N, C-alpha and C. Protein backbone atom coordinates (compact mmCIF):
# COMPACT_ATOMS: atom_id res chain seq x y z
N UNK A 1 55.81 50.00 -37.59
CA UNK A 1 55.34 51.05 -38.47
C UNK A 1 56.37 52.16 -38.65
N UNK A 2 57.03 52.56 -37.55
CA UNK A 2 58.02 53.62 -37.62
C UNK A 2 59.45 53.07 -37.54
N UNK A 3 59.64 51.83 -37.92
CA UNK A 3 60.97 51.21 -37.85
C UNK A 3 61.97 51.81 -38.83
N UNK A 4 61.47 52.46 -39.88
CA UNK A 4 62.36 52.99 -40.90
C UNK A 4 63.12 54.22 -40.43
N UNK A 5 62.70 54.81 -39.30
CA UNK A 5 63.33 56.04 -38.83
C UNK A 5 64.05 55.81 -37.51
N UNK A 6 65.16 56.49 -37.33
CA UNK A 6 65.91 56.39 -36.08
C UNK A 6 65.27 57.33 -35.06
N UNK A 7 64.40 56.80 -34.20
CA UNK A 7 63.67 57.62 -33.23
C UNK A 7 64.51 57.82 -31.99
N UNK A 8 65.38 58.80 -32.05
CA UNK A 8 66.15 59.17 -30.87
C UNK A 8 65.35 60.22 -30.10
N UNK A 9 65.79 60.53 -28.92
CA UNK A 9 65.08 61.53 -28.12
C UNK A 9 65.01 62.89 -28.81
N UNK A 10 66.10 63.42 -29.39
CA UNK A 10 65.99 64.71 -30.06
C UNK A 10 65.00 64.70 -31.23
N UNK A 11 64.97 63.61 -31.98
CA UNK A 11 64.04 63.51 -33.11
C UNK A 11 62.61 63.50 -32.60
N UNK A 12 62.35 62.75 -31.55
CA UNK A 12 61.00 62.69 -30.98
C UNK A 12 60.58 64.05 -30.43
N UNK A 13 61.47 64.75 -29.77
CA UNK A 13 61.15 66.08 -29.24
C UNK A 13 60.87 67.05 -30.39
N UNK A 14 61.68 67.01 -31.42
CA UNK A 14 61.50 67.90 -32.58
C UNK A 14 60.13 67.68 -33.21
N UNK A 15 59.76 66.43 -33.48
CA UNK A 15 58.48 66.15 -34.11
C UNK A 15 57.31 66.42 -33.16
N UNK A 16 57.50 66.21 -31.88
CA UNK A 16 56.46 66.56 -30.90
C UNK A 16 56.20 68.06 -30.89
N UNK A 17 57.26 68.84 -30.99
CA UNK A 17 57.11 70.31 -31.05
C UNK A 17 56.35 70.71 -32.31
N UNK A 18 56.62 70.07 -33.42
CA UNK A 18 55.91 70.38 -34.66
C UNK A 18 54.41 70.07 -34.51
N UNK A 19 54.09 68.92 -33.94
CA UNK A 19 52.68 68.55 -33.74
C UNK A 19 52.00 69.55 -32.82
N UNK A 20 52.66 69.92 -31.73
CA UNK A 20 52.08 70.90 -30.81
C UNK A 20 51.88 72.26 -31.48
N UNK A 21 52.83 72.68 -32.31
CA UNK A 21 52.69 73.95 -33.02
C UNK A 21 51.52 73.91 -33.99
N UNK A 22 51.36 72.81 -34.72
CA UNK A 22 50.25 72.70 -35.66
C UNK A 22 48.91 72.72 -34.92
N UNK A 23 48.83 72.03 -33.81
CA UNK A 23 47.61 72.04 -33.01
C UNK A 23 47.32 73.45 -32.48
N UNK A 24 48.34 74.08 -31.92
CA UNK A 24 48.18 75.43 -31.39
C UNK A 24 47.77 76.43 -32.46
N UNK A 25 48.38 76.33 -33.64
CA UNK A 25 48.04 77.24 -34.73
C UNK A 25 46.60 77.02 -35.21
N UNK A 26 46.15 75.77 -35.21
CA UNK A 26 44.77 75.48 -35.61
C UNK A 26 43.79 76.12 -34.64
N UNK A 27 44.03 75.97 -33.35
CA UNK A 27 43.16 76.57 -32.34
C UNK A 27 43.20 78.10 -32.45
N UNK A 28 44.40 78.66 -32.59
CA UNK A 28 44.56 80.11 -32.70
C UNK A 28 43.82 80.65 -33.93
N UNK A 29 43.92 79.94 -35.05
CA UNK A 29 43.27 80.37 -36.28
C UNK A 29 41.74 80.32 -36.15
N UNK A 30 41.22 79.34 -35.44
CA UNK A 30 39.77 79.25 -35.25
C UNK A 30 39.27 80.39 -34.33
N UNK A 31 40.07 80.74 -33.34
CA UNK A 31 39.67 81.80 -32.40
C UNK A 31 39.88 83.19 -32.98
N UNK A 32 40.94 83.38 -33.75
CA UNK A 32 41.28 84.69 -34.28
C UNK A 32 41.83 84.54 -35.70
N UNK A 33 40.96 84.66 -36.71
CA UNK A 33 41.43 84.52 -38.10
C UNK A 33 42.54 85.52 -38.42
N UNK A 34 43.46 85.08 -39.22
CA UNK A 34 44.64 85.89 -39.54
C UNK A 34 44.39 86.81 -40.73
N UNK A 35 45.21 87.83 -40.85
CA UNK A 35 45.20 88.72 -42.00
C UNK A 35 46.61 88.76 -42.58
N UNK A 36 46.70 89.18 -43.81
CA UNK A 36 48.02 89.31 -44.43
C UNK A 36 48.79 90.44 -43.78
N UNK A 37 50.10 90.23 -43.61
CA UNK A 37 50.95 91.31 -43.12
C UNK A 37 52.33 91.15 -43.72
N UNK A 38 53.07 92.22 -43.72
CA UNK A 38 54.40 92.23 -44.33
C UNK A 38 55.44 92.44 -43.24
N UNK A 39 56.42 91.55 -43.21
CA UNK A 39 57.55 91.67 -42.29
C UNK A 39 58.83 91.72 -43.09
N UNK A 40 59.87 91.03 -42.61
CA UNK A 40 61.14 91.05 -43.35
C UNK A 40 61.14 90.06 -44.51
N UNK A 41 60.14 89.16 -44.57
CA UNK A 41 60.04 88.26 -45.72
C UNK A 41 59.60 89.08 -46.94
N UNK A 42 60.02 88.69 -48.13
CA UNK A 42 59.76 89.53 -49.31
C UNK A 42 58.34 89.40 -49.87
N UNK A 43 57.37 89.05 -49.02
CA UNK A 43 55.98 88.90 -49.48
C UNK A 43 55.05 89.07 -48.28
N UNK A 44 53.79 89.31 -48.55
CA UNK A 44 52.80 89.35 -47.49
C UNK A 44 52.48 87.92 -47.08
N UNK A 45 52.42 87.68 -45.77
CA UNK A 45 52.20 86.32 -45.29
C UNK A 45 51.15 86.31 -44.19
N UNK A 46 50.56 85.13 -43.99
CA UNK A 46 49.67 84.89 -42.86
C UNK A 46 50.46 84.12 -41.81
N UNK A 47 49.85 83.89 -40.66
CA UNK A 47 50.53 83.09 -39.62
C UNK A 47 50.88 81.71 -40.13
N UNK A 48 49.96 81.09 -40.86
CA UNK A 48 50.22 79.76 -41.41
C UNK A 48 51.38 79.74 -42.38
N UNK A 49 51.46 80.77 -43.22
CA UNK A 49 52.59 80.87 -44.16
C UNK A 49 53.91 80.96 -43.41
N UNK A 50 53.92 81.82 -42.38
CA UNK A 50 55.15 82.00 -41.60
C UNK A 50 55.52 80.72 -40.85
N UNK A 51 54.51 79.99 -40.36
CA UNK A 51 54.80 78.71 -39.70
C UNK A 51 55.42 77.74 -40.68
N UNK A 52 54.87 77.63 -41.87
CA UNK A 52 55.41 76.72 -42.87
C UNK A 52 56.85 77.09 -43.24
N UNK A 53 57.08 78.38 -43.51
CA UNK A 53 58.43 78.84 -43.85
C UNK A 53 59.38 78.61 -42.68
N UNK A 54 58.91 78.88 -41.47
CA UNK A 54 59.74 78.67 -40.28
C UNK A 54 60.07 77.20 -40.05
N UNK A 55 59.10 76.32 -40.28
CA UNK A 55 59.37 74.88 -40.12
C UNK A 55 60.38 74.39 -41.16
N UNK A 56 60.26 74.89 -42.38
CA UNK A 56 61.25 74.53 -43.40
C UNK A 56 62.64 75.02 -42.99
N UNK A 57 62.73 76.25 -42.52
CA UNK A 57 64.02 76.79 -42.09
C UNK A 57 64.58 75.99 -40.92
N UNK A 58 63.73 75.61 -39.96
CA UNK A 58 64.18 74.82 -38.82
C UNK A 58 64.69 73.46 -39.27
N UNK A 59 64.00 72.85 -40.21
CA UNK A 59 64.45 71.55 -40.73
C UNK A 59 65.80 71.68 -41.43
N UNK A 60 65.97 72.76 -42.20
CA UNK A 60 67.25 72.97 -42.89
C UNK A 60 68.39 73.21 -41.90
N UNK A 61 68.13 73.94 -40.83
CA UNK A 61 69.16 74.15 -39.81
C UNK A 61 69.57 72.82 -39.19
N UNK A 62 68.59 71.99 -38.85
CA UNK A 62 68.91 70.69 -38.25
C UNK A 62 69.64 69.78 -39.23
N UNK A 63 69.20 69.75 -40.48
CA UNK A 63 69.87 68.91 -41.47
C UNK A 63 71.29 69.40 -41.75
N UNK A 64 71.47 70.72 -41.79
CA UNK A 64 72.81 71.27 -41.99
C UNK A 64 73.73 70.89 -40.83
N UNK A 65 73.20 70.98 -39.61
CA UNK A 65 74.01 70.61 -38.45
C UNK A 65 74.40 69.14 -38.49
N UNK A 66 73.44 68.28 -38.83
CA UNK A 66 73.74 66.85 -38.93
C UNK A 66 74.79 66.61 -40.00
N UNK A 67 74.66 67.30 -41.13
CA UNK A 67 75.62 67.13 -42.22
C UNK A 67 77.01 67.64 -41.88
N UNK A 68 77.08 68.69 -41.07
CA UNK A 68 78.38 69.27 -40.74
C UNK A 68 78.98 68.76 -39.43
N UNK A 69 78.24 67.94 -38.69
CA UNK A 69 78.73 67.53 -37.37
C UNK A 69 80.03 66.73 -37.46
N UNK A 70 80.19 65.94 -38.51
CA UNK A 70 81.45 65.22 -38.68
C UNK A 70 82.61 66.16 -38.92
N UNK A 71 82.38 67.17 -39.74
CA UNK A 71 83.42 68.18 -40.00
C UNK A 71 83.71 69.00 -38.75
N UNK A 72 82.66 69.36 -38.01
CA UNK A 72 82.87 70.10 -36.76
C UNK A 72 83.73 69.29 -35.79
N UNK A 73 83.51 67.98 -35.77
CA UNK A 73 84.30 67.12 -34.90
C UNK A 73 85.79 67.21 -35.28
N UNK A 74 86.07 67.22 -36.58
CA UNK A 74 87.47 67.32 -37.03
C UNK A 74 88.03 68.71 -36.77
N UNK A 75 87.28 69.74 -37.13
CA UNK A 75 87.76 71.12 -37.01
C UNK A 75 88.03 71.51 -35.57
N UNK A 76 87.19 71.04 -34.66
CA UNK A 76 87.31 71.43 -33.25
C UNK A 76 88.05 70.38 -32.42
N UNK A 77 88.58 69.35 -33.09
CA UNK A 77 89.32 68.26 -32.43
C UNK A 77 88.52 67.65 -31.28
N UNK A 78 87.26 67.33 -31.56
CA UNK A 78 86.40 66.70 -30.56
C UNK A 78 86.52 65.19 -30.64
N UNK A 79 86.27 64.52 -29.54
CA UNK A 79 86.34 63.06 -29.54
C UNK A 79 85.08 62.42 -30.12
N UNK A 80 83.94 63.09 -29.94
CA UNK A 80 82.67 62.60 -30.49
C UNK A 80 81.99 63.73 -31.25
N UNK A 81 81.01 63.36 -32.06
CA UNK A 81 80.26 64.38 -32.80
C UNK A 81 79.47 65.24 -31.83
N UNK A 82 79.31 66.53 -32.14
CA UNK A 82 78.51 67.39 -31.27
C UNK A 82 77.06 66.93 -31.21
N UNK A 83 76.43 67.18 -30.09
CA UNK A 83 75.06 66.74 -29.87
C UNK A 83 74.08 67.51 -30.75
N UNK A 84 73.06 66.80 -31.22
CA UNK A 84 72.02 67.43 -32.03
C UNK A 84 71.23 68.44 -31.20
N UNK A 85 71.32 68.35 -29.88
CA UNK A 85 70.63 69.30 -29.01
C UNK A 85 71.14 70.72 -29.23
N UNK A 86 72.30 70.88 -29.81
CA UNK A 86 72.84 72.22 -30.09
C UNK A 86 72.01 72.90 -31.18
N UNK A 87 71.64 72.16 -32.21
CA UNK A 87 70.88 72.77 -33.31
C UNK A 87 69.41 72.96 -32.98
N UNK A 88 68.89 72.23 -32.02
CA UNK A 88 67.46 72.34 -31.69
C UNK A 88 67.08 73.75 -31.21
N UNK A 89 67.76 74.32 -30.21
CA UNK A 89 67.37 75.69 -29.82
C UNK A 89 67.65 76.73 -30.90
N UNK A 90 68.67 76.50 -31.71
CA UNK A 90 68.95 77.43 -32.81
C UNK A 90 67.80 77.42 -33.81
N UNK A 91 67.33 76.22 -34.16
CA UNK A 91 66.24 76.12 -35.12
C UNK A 91 64.93 76.66 -34.54
N UNK A 92 64.69 76.45 -33.26
CA UNK A 92 63.47 76.97 -32.64
C UNK A 92 63.51 78.50 -32.52
N UNK A 93 64.71 79.05 -32.28
CA UNK A 93 64.85 80.51 -32.24
C UNK A 93 64.61 81.10 -33.63
N UNK A 94 65.10 80.45 -34.67
CA UNK A 94 64.87 80.90 -36.02
C UNK A 94 63.37 80.84 -36.35
N UNK A 95 62.71 79.77 -35.95
CA UNK A 95 61.27 79.65 -36.16
C UNK A 95 60.52 80.77 -35.45
N UNK A 96 60.90 81.04 -34.21
CA UNK A 96 60.24 82.10 -33.45
C UNK A 96 60.47 83.47 -34.11
N UNK A 97 61.67 83.71 -34.61
CA UNK A 97 61.96 84.97 -35.30
C UNK A 97 61.09 85.12 -36.55
N UNK A 98 60.97 84.07 -37.33
CA UNK A 98 60.16 84.14 -38.55
C UNK A 98 58.69 84.33 -38.20
N UNK A 99 58.22 83.64 -37.16
CA UNK A 99 56.82 83.79 -36.76
C UNK A 99 56.54 85.21 -36.27
N UNK A 100 57.46 85.79 -35.55
CA UNK A 100 57.24 87.10 -34.92
C UNK A 100 57.47 88.26 -35.89
N UNK A 101 58.59 88.22 -36.61
CA UNK A 101 59.00 89.38 -37.42
C UNK A 101 58.85 89.15 -38.93
N UNK A 102 58.63 87.89 -39.34
CA UNK A 102 58.56 87.57 -40.77
C UNK A 102 57.35 88.09 -41.38
């Protein structure tokens, strides 16, 4: 069923984090309904809005890293491509920033 995707450990961890966040947000929303608020994003958002925007940003960070890893290997004279684990904490920090301050 999932043969079409390369399920490496970083990919599995990334998607597991997304599932856990969606579950956690669902429980949080049922216990404490959200209200609109304004942060550094140019619009009023709810927690769900910020989660969606943050997940998109995290995906773009990871895709950008994957796309640039070959160039990084050349620029930094590395023998192998840099690990995808480098972009994972960066994308999660960006997600946390958007959730907290967005």
